[in-house]
Amino acid sequence: MSKVEDLHTRWMKADDYRNAHESLAPEYALARAIIQARTRAGLTQAELAERMKTTQSAIARLEGGRARPSTQTLERLAAATGTTLRVTFEPVQTGD
């Protein structure tokens, strides 16, 4: 395990850190989905940006989880990558 992983494991025991980390899970999942759509389409960030009529830095912000894209932006991304945007709501998993 790397030093970063060791720190993360240790910090996850702290309620404040764990809660903050868990609150970012949807942003991380969205960023991963954006990266997957782009790479499956065989596009670079610059190529995707060109198709979406935006900048490479805007794509980098989306992929880095530093942006909260609108559904309109996500629909443009789907069109540019030849995919379909699908949003789902799932029941919360409890420890019961």
PDB file of N, CA and C in Angstrom:
ATOM      1  N   MET A   1       0.848  -1.175   0.000  1.00  0.00           N
ATOM      2  CA  MET A   1       0.000   0.000   0.000  1.00  0.00           C
ATOM      3  C   MET A   1       0.897   1.242   0.000  1.00  0.00           C
ATOM      4  N   SER A   2       0.502   2.271  -0.786  1.00  0.00           N
ATOM      5  CA  SER A   2       1.300   3.490  -0.856  1.00  0.00           C
ATOM      6  C   SER A   2       1.066   4.346   0.383  1.00  0.00           C
ATOM      7  N   LYS A   3       1.912   5.335   0.545  1.00  0.00           N
ATOM      8  CA  LYS A   3       1.758   6.241   1.684  1.00  0.00           C
ATOM      9  C   LYS A   3       0.428   6.977   1.617  1.00  0.00           C
ATOM     10  N   VAL A   4       0.009   7.339   0.414  1.00  0.00           N
ATOM     11  CA  VAL A   4      -1.274   8.026   0.247  1.00  0.00           C
ATOM     12  C   VAL A   4      -2.425   7.110   0.660  1.00  0.00           C
ATOM     13  N   GLU A   5      -2.363   5.861   0.224  1.00  0.00           N
ATOM     14  CA  GLU A   5      -3.404   4.905   0.608  1.00  0.00           C
ATOM     15  C   GLU A   5      -3.415   4.670   2.110  1.00  0.00           C
ATOM     16  N   ASP A   6      -2.219   4.606   2.715  1.00  0.00           N
ATOM     17  CA  ASP A   6      -2.131   4.446   4.169  1.00  0.00           C
ATOM     18  C   ASP A   6      -2.796   5.620   4.879  1.00  0.00           C
ATOM     19  N   LEU A   7      -2.503   6.835   4.417  1.00  0.00           N
ATOM     20  CA  LEU A   7      -3.107   8.026   5.014  1.00  0.00           C
ATOM     21  C   LEU A   7      -4.620   7.994   4.850  1.00  0.00           C
ATOM     22  N   HIS A   8      -5.066   7.678   3.653  1.00  0.00           N
ATOM     23  CA  HIS A   8      -6.502   7.641   3.386  1.00  0.00           C
ATOM     24  C   HIS A   8      -7.181   6.633   4.315  1.00  0.00           C
ATOM     25  N   THR A   9      -6.611   5.453   4.461  1.00  0.00           N
ATOM     26  CA  THR A   9      -7.173   4.417   5.326  1.00  0.00           C
ATOM     27  C   THR A   9      -7.258   4.916   6.769  1.00  0.00           C
ATOM     28  N   ARG A  10      -6.191   5.560   7.208  1.00  0.00           N
ATOM     29  CA  ARG A  10      -6.168   6.071   8.581  1.00  0.00           C
ATOM     30  C   ARG A  10      -7.183   7.203   8.752  1.00  0.00           C
ATOM     31  N   TRP A  11      -7.228   8.121   7.794  1.00  0.00           N
ATOM     32  CA  TRP A  11      -8.131   9.269   7.886  1.00  0.00           C
ATOM     33  C   TRP A  11      -9.599   8.861   7.779  1.00  0.00           C
ATOM     34  N   MET A  12      -9.898   7.769   7.049  1.00  0.00           N
ATOM     35  CA  MET A  12     -11.285   7.329   6.904  1.00  0.00           C
ATOM     36  C   MET A  12     -11.899   6.931   8.245  1.00  0.00           C
ATOM     37  N   LYS A  13     -11.057   6.722   9.247  1.00  0.00           N
ATOM     38  CA  LYS A  13     -11.561   6.396  10.580  1.00  0.00           C
ATOM     39  C   LYS A  13     -12.110   7.632  11.289  1.00  0.00           C
ATOM     40  N   ALA A  14     -11.747   8.818  10.798  1.00  0.00           N
ATOM     41  CA  ALA A  14     -12.228  10.071  11.384  1.00  0.00           C
ATOM     42  C   ALA A  14     -13.553  10.451  10.721  1.00  0.00           C
ATOM     43  N   ASP A  15     -14.570  10.707  11.530  1.00  0.00           N
ATOM     44  CA  ASP A  15     -15.901  11.010  11.010  1.00  0.00           C
ATOM     45  C   ASP A  15     -15.897  12.185  10.029  1.00  0.00           C
ATOM     46  N   ASP A  16     -15.212  13.267  10.368  1.00  0.00           N
ATOM     47  CA  ASP A  16     -15.209  14.454   9.500  1.00  0.00           C
ATOM     48  C   ASP A  16     -14.634  14.133   8.129  1.00  0.00           C
ATOM     49  N   TYR A  17     -13.519  13.452   8.093  1.00  0.00           N
ATOM     50  CA  TYR A  17     -12.876  13.095   6.823  1.00  0.00           C
ATOM     51  C   TYR A  17     -13.760  12.141   6.031  1.00  0.00           C
ATOM     52  N   ARG A  18     -14.268  11.108   6.690  1.00  0.00           N
ATOM     53  CA  ARG A  18     -15.095  10.114   6.014  1.00  0.00           C
ATOM     54  C   ARG A  18     -16.351  10.766   5.429  1.00  0.00           C
ATOM     55  N   ASN A  19     -16.995  11.640   6.184  1.00  0.00           N
ATOM     56  CA  ASN A  19     -18.197  12.317   5.701  1.00  0.00           C
ATOM     57  C   ASN A  19     -17.883  13.212   4.498  1.00  0.00           C
ATOM     58  N   ALA A  20     -16.775  13.930   4.566  1.00  0.00           N
ATOM     59  CA  ALA A  20     -16.382  14.787   3.444  1.00  0.00           C
ATOM     60  C   ALA A  20     -16.077  13.946   2.212  1.00  0.00           C
ATOM     61  N   HIS A  21     -15.371  12.864   2.410  1.00  0.00           N
ATOM     62  CA  HIS A  21     -15.020  11.973   1.296  1.00  0.00           C
ATOM     63  C   HIS A  21     -16.272  11.375   0.664  1.00  0.00           C
ATOM     64  N   GLU A  22     -17.179  10.895   1.496  1.00  0.00           N
ATOM     65  CA  GLU A  22     -18.404  10.282   0.995  1.00  0.00           C
ATOM     66  C   GLU A  22     -19.303  11.294   0.300  1.00  0.00           C
ATOM     67  N   SER A  23     -19.280  12.540   0.741  1.00  0.00           N
ATOM     68  CA  SER A  23     -20.124  13.564   0.108  1.00  0.00           C
ATOM     69  C   SER A  23     -19.657  13.886  -1.309  1.00  0.00           C
ATOM     70  N   LEU A  24     -18.395  13.577  -1.618  1.00  0.00           N
ATOM     71  CA  LEU A  24     -17.853  13.841  -2.954  1.00  0.00           C
ATOM     72  C   LEU A  24     -18.019  12.655  -3.909  1.00  0.00           C
ATOM     73  N   ALA A  25     -18.532  11.546  -3.427  1.00  0.00           N
ATOM     74  CA  ALA A  25     -18.660  10.343  -4.255  1.00  0.00           C
ATOM     75  C   ALA A  25     -19.429  10.582  -5.554  1.00  0.00           C
ATOM     76  N   PRO A  26     -20.545  11.331  -5.544  1.00  0.00           N
ATOM     77  CA  PRO A  26     -21.243  11.561  -6.817  1.00  0.00           C
ATOM     78  C   PRO A  26     -20.397  12.338  -7.831  1.00  0.00           C
ATOM     79  N   GLU A  27     -19.625  13.308  -7.372  1.00  0.00           N
ATOM     80  CA  GLU A  27     -18.761  14.064  -8.280  1.00  0.00           C
ATOM     81  C   GLU A  27     -17.676  13.178  -8.882  1.00  0.00           C
ATOM     82  N   TYR A  28     -17.101  12.306  -8.054  1.00  0.00           N
ATOM     83  CA  TYR A  28     -16.082  11.384  -8.551  1.00  0.00           C
ATOM     84  C   TYR A  28     -16.679  10.422  -9.578  1.00  0.00           C
ATOM     85  N   ALA A  29     -17.878   9.922  -9.300  1.00  0.00           N
ATOM     86  CA  ALA A  29     -18.535   8.991 -10.227  1.00  0.00           C
ATOM     87  C   ALA A  29     -18.831   9.670 -11.556  1.00  0.00           C
ATOM     88  N   LEU A  30     -19.288  10.912 -11.516  1.00  0.00           N
ATOM     89  CA  LEU A  30     -19.563  11.645 -12.745  1.00  0.00           C
ATOM     90  C   LEU A  30     -18.281  11.888 -13.529  1.00  0.00           C
ATOM     91  N   ALA A  31     -17.224  12.284 -12.838  1.00  0.00           N
ATOM     92  CA  ALA A  31     -15.941  12.521 -13.513  1.00  0.00           C
ATOM     93  C   ALA A  31     -15.445  11.238 -14.186  1.00  0.00           C
ATOM     94  N   ARG A  32     -15.555  10.098 -13.497  1.00  0.00           N
ATOM     95  CA  ARG A  32     -15.148   8.815 -14.083  1.00  0.00           C
ATOM     96  C   ARG A  32     -15.978   8.489 -15.321  1.00  0.00           C
ATOM     97  N   ALA A  33     -17.287   8.739 -15.251  1.00  0.00           N
ATOM     98  CA  ALA A  33     -18.168   8.454 -16.382  1.00  0.00           C
ATOM     99  C   ALA A  33     -17.811   9.334 -17.587  1.00  0.00           C
ATOM    100  N   ILE A  34     -17.467  10.579 -17.342  1.00  0.00           N
ATOM    101  CA  ILE A  34     -17.075  11.485 -18.427  1.00  0.00           C
ATOM    102  C   ILE A  34     -15.786  10.994 -19.080  1.00  0.00           C
ATOM    103  N   ILE A  35     -14.819  10.626 -18.267  1.00  0.00           N
ATOM    104  CA  ILE A  35     -13.547  10.114 -18.798  1.00  0.00           C
ATOM    105  C   ILE A  35     -13.786   8.847 -19.604  1.00  0.00           C
ATOM    106  N   GLN A  36     -14.612   7.945 -19.083  1.00  0.00           N
ATOM    107  CA  GLN A  36     -14.902   6.700 -19.800  1.00  0.00           C
ATOM    108  C   GLN A  36     -15.577   6.964 -21.138  1.00  0.00           C
ATOM    109  N   ALA A  37     -16.534   7.886 -21.172  1.00  0.00           N
ATOM    110  CA  ALA A  37     -17.226   8.195 -22.435  1.00  0.00           C
ATOM    111  C   ALA A  37     -16.231   8.726 -23.462  1.00  0.00           C
ATOM    112  N   ARG A  38     -15.342   9.608 -23.022  1.00  0.00           N
ATOM    113  CA  ARG A  38     -14.356  10.189 -23.944  1.00  0.00           C
ATOM    114  C   ARG A  38     -13.384   9.136 -24.447  1.00  0.00           C
ATOM    115  N   THR A  39     -12.849   8.326 -23.540  1.00  0.00           N
ATOM    116  CA  THR A  39     -11.838   7.344 -23.956  1.00  0.00           C
ATOM    117  C   THR A  39     -12.450   6.229 -24.802  1.00  0.00           C
ATOM    118  N   ARG A  40     -13.677   5.825 -24.499  1.00  0.00           N
ATOM    119  CA  ARG A  40     -14.346   4.808 -25.327  1.00  0.00           C
ATOM    120  C   ARG A  40     -14.596   5.331 -26.743  1.00  0.00           C
ATOM    121  N   ALA A  41     -14.806   6.647 -26.854  1.00  0.00           N
ATOM    122  CA  ALA A  41     -15.004   7.252 -28.176  1.00  0.00           C
ATOM    123  C   ALA A  41     -13.672   7.463 -28.894  1.00  0.00           C
ATOM    124  N   GLY A  42     -12.572   7.188 -28.188  1.00  0.00           N
ATOM    125  CA  GLY A  42     -11.250   7.335 -28.791  1.00  0.00           C
ATOM    126  C   GLY A  42     -10.844   8.782 -29.013  1.00  0.00           C
ATOM    127  N   LEU A  43     -11.312   9.669 -28.136  1.00  0.00           N
ATOM    128  CA  LEU A  43     -11.052  11.095 -28.289  1.00  0.00           C
ATOM    129  C   LEU A  43     -10.079  11.606 -27.238  1.00  0.00           C
ATOM    130  N   THR A  44      -9.295  12.593 -27.623  1.00  0.00           N
ATOM    131  CA  THR A  44      -8.488  13.331 -26.663  1.00  0.00           C
ATOM    132  C   THR A  44      -9.393  14.406 -26.041  1.00  0.00           C
ATOM    133  N   GLN A  45      -8.917  15.023 -24.985  1.00  0.00           N
ATOM    134  CA  GLN A  45      -9.679  16.132 -24.407  1.00  0.00           C
ATOM    135  C   GLN A  45      -9.870  17.240 -25.442  1.00  0.00           C
ATOM    136  N   ALA A  46      -8.839  17.526 -26.218  1.00  0.00           N
ATOM    137  CA  ALA A  46      -8.928  18.586 -27.231  1.00  0.00           C
ATOM    138  C   ALA A  46      -9.949  18.237 -28.309  1.00  0.00           C
ATOM    139  N   GLU A  47      -9.972  16.985 -28.730  1.00  0.00           N
ATOM    140  CA  GLU A  47     -10.932  16.565 -29.753  1.00  0.00           C
ATOM    141  C   GLU A  47     -12.367  16.637 -29.229  1.00  0.00           C
ATOM    142  N   LEU A  48     -12.568  16.202 -27.992  1.00  0.00           N
ATOM    143  CA  LEU A  48     -13.894  16.289 -27.392  1.00  0.00           C
ATOM    144  C   LEU A  48     -14.313  17.752 -27.270  1.00  0.00           C
ATOM    145  N   ALA A  49     -13.397  18.586 -26.838  1.00  0.00           N
ATOM    146  CA  ALA A  49     -13.693  20.014 -26.709  1.00  0.00           C
ATOM    147  C   ALA A  49     -14.122  20.606 -28.043  1.00  0.00           C
ATOM    148  N   GLU A  50     -13.433  20.245 -29.096  1.00  0.00           N
ATOM    149  CA  GLU A  50     -13.767  20.761 -30.426  1.00  0.00           C
ATOM    150  C   GLU A  50     -15.182  20.329 -30.820  1.00  0.00           C
ATOM    151  N   ARG A  51     -15.509  19.074 -30.589  1.00  0.00           N
ATOM    152  CA  ARG A  51     -16.851  18.572 -30.914  1.00  0.00           C
ATOM    153  C   ARG A  51     -17.931  19.259 -30.094  1.00  0.00           C
ATOM    154  N   MET A  52     -17.586  19.626 -28.852  1.00  0.00           N
ATOM    155  CA  MET A  52     -18.557  20.258 -27.967  1.00  0.00           C
ATOM    156  C   MET A  52     -18.556  21.775 -28.086  1.00  0.00           C
ATOM    157  N   LYS A  53     -17.669  22.317 -28.910  1.00  0.00           N
ATOM    158  CA  LYS A  53     -17.540  23.778 -29.071  1.00  0.00           C
ATOM    159  C   LYS A  53     -17.193  24.444 -27.741  1.00  0.00           C
ATOM    160  N   THR A  54     -16.184  23.864 -27.097  1.00  0.00           N
ATOM    161  CA  THR A  54     -15.691  24.414 -25.838  1.00  0.00           C
ATOM    162  C   THR A  54     -14.174  24.307 -25.850  1.00  0.00           C
ATOM    163  N   THR A  55     -13.554  24.453 -24.701  1.00  0.00           N
ATOM    164  CA  THR A  55     -12.095  24.415 -24.614  1.00  0.00           C
ATOM    165  C   THR A  55     -11.615  23.128 -23.952  1.00  0.00           C
ATOM    166  N   GLN A  56     -10.367  22.792 -24.220  1.00  0.00           N
ATOM    167  CA  GLN A  56      -9.767  21.616 -23.588  1.00  0.00           C
ATOM    168  C   GLN A  56      -9.745  21.797 -22.077  1.00  0.00           C
ATOM    169  N   SER A  57      -9.511  23.020 -21.603  1.00  0.00           N
ATOM    170  CA  SER A  57      -9.463  23.238 -20.154  1.00  0.00           C
ATOM    171  C   SER A  57     -10.833  23.019 -19.515  1.00  0.00           C
ATOM    172  N   ALA A  58     -11.906  23.297 -20.246  1.00  0.00           N
ATOM    173  CA  ALA A  58     -13.255  23.018 -19.715  1.00  0.00           C
ATOM    174  C   ALA A  58     -13.461  21.512 -19.577  1.00  0.00           C
ATOM    175  N   ILE A  59     -12.964  20.754 -20.544  1.00  0.00           N
ATOM    176  CA  ILE A  59     -13.064  19.288 -20.461  1.00  0.00           C
ATOM    177  C   ILE A  59     -12.234  18.781 -19.279  1.00  0.00           C
ATOM    178  N   ALA A  60     -11.056  19.339 -19.101  1.00  0.00           N
ATOM    179  CA  ALA A  60     -10.202  18.940 -17.970  1.00  0.00           C
ATOM    180  C   ALA A  60     -10.906  19.213 -16.647  1.00  0.00           C
ATOM    181  N   ARG A  61     -11.611  20.337 -16.543  1.00  0.00           N
ATOM    182  CA  ARG A  61     -12.347  20.644 -15.310  1.00  0.00           C
ATOM    183  C   ARG A  61     -13.473  19.630 -15.083  1.00  0.00           C
ATOM    184  N   LEU A  62     -14.171  19.256 -16.159  1.00  0.00           N
ATOM    185  CA  LEU A  62     -15.220  18.239 -16.037  1.00  0.00           C
ATOM    186  C   LEU A  62     -14.641  16.910 -15.563  1.00  0.00           C
ATOM    187  N   GLU A  63     -13.538  16.515 -16.170  1.00  0.00           N
ATOM    188  CA  GLU A  63     -12.923  15.227 -15.828  1.00  0.00           C
ATOM    189  C   GLU A  63     -12.257  15.245 -14.463  1.00  0.00           C
ATOM    190  N   GLY A  64     -11.886  16.412 -13.995  1.00  0.00           N
ATOM    191  CA  GLY A  64     -11.246  16.513 -12.690  1.00  0.00           C
ATOM    192  C   GLY A  64     -12.239  16.686 -11.554  1.00  0.00           C
ATOM    193  N   GLY A  65     -13.532  16.723 -11.894  1.00  0.00           N
ATOM    194  CA  GLY A  65     -14.545  16.889 -10.861  1.00  0.00           C
ATOM    195  C   GLY A  65     -14.620  18.295 -10.315  1.00  0.00           C
ATOM    196  N   ARG A  66     -14.022  19.261 -11.036  1.00  0.00           N
ATOM    197  CA  ARG A  66     -14.006  20.637 -10.558  1.00  0.00           C
ATOM    198  C   ARG A  66     -15.123  21.481 -11.177  1.00  0.00           C
ATOM    199  N   ALA A  67     -16.068  20.831 -11.825  1.00  0.00           N
ATOM    200  CA  ALA A  67     -17.182  21.543 -12.433  1.00  0.00           C
ATOM    201  C   ALA A  67     -18.458  20.778 -12.148  1.00  0.00           C
ATOM    202  N   ARG A  68     -19.545  21.478 -12.105  1.00  0.00           N
ATOM    203  CA  ARG A  68     -20.856  20.850 -11.941  1.00  0.00           C
ATOM    204  C   ARG A  68     -21.628  21.103 -13.222  1.00  0.00           C
ATOM    205  N   PRO A  69     -21.514  20.177 -14.163  1.00  0.00           N
ATOM    206  CA  PRO A  69     -22.115  20.411 -15.473  1.00  0.00           C
ATOM    207  C   PRO A  69     -23.643  20.364 -15.441  1.00  0.00           C
ATOM    208  N   SER A  70     -24.240  21.172 -16.289  1.00  0.00           N
ATOM    209  CA  SER A  70     -25.688  21.141 -16.452  1.00  0.00           C
ATOM    210  C   SER A  70     -26.077  19.915 -17.268  1.00  0.00           C
ATOM    211  N   THR A  71     -27.353  19.584 -17.271  1.00  0.00           N
ATOM    212  CA  THR A  71     -27.809  18.482 -18.109  1.00  0.00           C
ATOM    213  C   THR A  71     -27.592  18.821 -19.576  1.00  0.00           C
ATOM    214  N   GLN A  72     -27.677  20.090 -19.932  1.00  0.00           N
ATOM    215  CA  GLN A  72     -27.419  20.500 -21.311  1.00  0.00           C
ATOM    216  C   GLN A  72     -25.971  20.175 -21.701  1.00  0.00           C
ATOM    217  N   THR A  73     -25.027  20.462 -20.821  1.00  0.00           N
ATOM    218  CA  THR A  73     -23.622  20.141 -21.082  1.00  0.00           C
ATOM    219  C   THR A  73     -23.431  18.635 -21.200  1.00  0.00           C
ATOM    220  N   LEU A  74     -24.056  17.875 -20.316  1.00  0.00           N
ATOM    221  CA  LEU A  74     -23.932  16.418 -20.366  1.00  0.00           C
ATOM    222  C   LEU A  74     -24.563  15.852 -21.640  1.00  0.00           C
ATOM    223  N   GLU A  75     -25.646  16.458 -22.100  1.00  0.00           N
ATOM    224  CA  GLU A  75     -26.263  16.016 -23.361  1.00  0.00           C
ATOM    225  C   GLU A  75     -25.337  16.306 -24.545  1.00  0.00           C
ATOM    226  N   ARG A  76     -24.667  17.456 -24.527  1.00  0.00           N
ATOM    227  CA  ARG A  76     -23.696  17.775 -25.579  1.00  0.00           C
ATOM    228  C   ARG A  76     -22.537  16.793 -25.546  1.00  0.00           C
ATOM    229  N   LEU A  77     -22.090  16.436 -24.345  1.00  0.00           N
ATOM    230  CA  LEU A  77     -21.006  15.466 -24.205  1.00  0.00           C
ATOM    231  C   LEU A  77     -21.440  14.110 -24.754  1.00  0.00           C
ATOM    232  N   ALA A  78     -22.650  13.700 -24.434  1.00  0.00           N
ATOM    233  CA  ALA A  78     -23.162  12.422 -24.934  1.00  0.00           C
ATOM    234  C   ALA A  78     -23.205  12.432 -26.458  1.00  0.00           C
ATOM    235  N   ALA A  79     -23.705  13.499 -27.047  1.00  0.00           N
ATOM    236  CA  ALA A  79     -23.768  13.587 -28.506  1.00  0.00           C
ATOM    237  C   ALA A  79     -22.366  13.548 -29.113  1.00  0.00           C
ATOM    238  N   ALA A  80     -21.432  14.226 -28.475  1.00  0.00           N
ATOM    239  CA  ALA A  80     -20.058  14.302 -28.994  1.00  0.00           C
ATOM    240  C   ALA A  80     -19.323  12.974 -28.884  1.00  0.00           C
ATOM    241  N   THR A  81     -19.747  12.125 -27.954  1.00  0.00           N
ATOM    242  CA  THR A  81     -19.066  10.837 -27.759  1.00  0.00           C
ATOM    243  C   THR A  81     -19.870   9.658 -28.301  1.00  0.00           C
ATOM    244  N   GLY A  82     -21.007   9.942 -28.911  1.00  0.00           N
ATOM    245  CA  GLY A  82     -21.823   8.871 -29.463  1.00  0.00           C
ATOM    246  C   GLY A  82     -22.456   7.999 -28.398  1.00  0.00           C
ATOM    247  N   THR A  83     -22.806   8.622 -27.288  1.00  0.00           N
ATOM    248  CA  THR A  83     -23.420   7.885 -26.185  1.00  0.00           C
ATOM    249  C   THR A  83     -24.781   8.501 -25.864  1.00  0.00           C
ATOM    250  N   THR A  84     -25.482   7.873 -24.946  1.00  0.00           N
ATOM    251  CA  THR A  84     -26.773   8.367 -24.479  1.00  0.00           C
ATOM    252  C   THR A  84     -26.642   8.736 -23.016  1.00  0.00           C
ATOM    253  N   LEU A  85     -27.145   9.908 -22.654  1.00  0.00           N
ATOM    254  CA  LEU A  85     -27.147  10.327 -21.253  1.00  0.00           C
ATOM    255  C   LEU A  85     -28.297   9.623 -20.544  1.00  0.00           C
ATOM    256  N   ARG A  86     -27.969   9.001 -19.418  1.00  0.00           N
ATOM    257  CA  ARG A  86     -28.978   8.330 -18.606  1.00  0.00           C
ATOM    258  C   ARG A  86     -28.718   8.699 -17.155  1.00  0.00           C
ATOM    259  N   VAL A  87     -29.738   9.173 -16.474  1.00  0.00           N
ATOM    260  CA  VAL A  87     -29.643   9.532 -15.068  1.00  0.00           C
ATOM    261  C   VAL A  87     -30.539   8.588 -14.289  1.00  0.00           C
ATOM    262  N   THR A  88     -30.028   8.037 -13.206  1.00  0.00           N
ATOM    263  CA  THR A  88     -30.833   7.135 -12.384  1.00  0.00           C
ATOM    264  C   THR A  88     -30.768   7.566 -10.924  1.00  0.00           C
ATOM    265  N   PHE A  89     -31.826   7.265 -10.227  1.00  0.00           N
ATOM    266  CA  PHE A  89     -31.861   7.447  -8.785  1.00  0.00           C
ATOM    267  C   PHE A  89     -32.055   6.064  -8.182  1.00  0.00           C
ATOM    268  N   GLU A  90     -31.196   5.728  -7.251  1.00  0.00           N
ATOM    269  CA  GLU A  90     -31.242   4.400  -6.650  1.00  0.00           C
ATOM    270  C   GLU A  90     -31.440   4.524  -5.148  1.00  0.00           C
ATOM    271  N   PRO A  91     -32.076   3.539  -4.541  1.00  0.00           N
ATOM    272  CA  PRO A  91     -32.273   3.576  -3.093  1.00  0.00           C
ATOM    273  C   PRO A  91     -30.928   3.621  -2.359  1.00  0.00           C
ATOM    274  N   VAL A  92     -30.912   4.304  -1.263  1.00  0.00           N
ATOM    275  CA  VAL A  92     -29.715   4.380  -0.438  1.00  0.00           C
ATOM    276  C   VAL A  92     -29.502   3.037   0.240  1.00  0.00           C
ATOM    277  N   GLN A  93     -28.268   2.548   0.173  1.00  0.00           N
ATOM    278  CA  GLN A  93     -27.915   1.300   0.842  1.00  0.00           C
ATOM    279  C   GLN A  93     -27.662   1.597   2.316  1.00  0.00           C
ATOM    280  N   THR A  94     -28.324   0.876   3.183  1.00  0.00           N
ATOM    281  CA  THR A  94     -28.097   1.053   4.619  1.00  0.00           C
ATOM    282  C   THR A  94     -27.412  -0.184   5.179  1.00  0.00           C
ATOM    283  N   GLY A  95     -26.840  -0.041   6.321  1.00  0.00           N
ATOM    284  CA  GLY A  95     -26.117  -1.141   6.944  1.00  0.00           C
ATOM    285  C   GLY A  95     -27.007  -2.116   7.675  1.00  0.00           C
ATOM    286  N   ASP A  96     -28.312  -1.986   7.531  1.00  0.00           N
ATOM    287  CA  ASP A  96     -29.246  -2.869   8.254  1.00  0.00           C
ATOM    288  C   ASP A  96     -29.219  -4.270   7.736  1.00  0.00           C
TER     289      ASP A  96
END
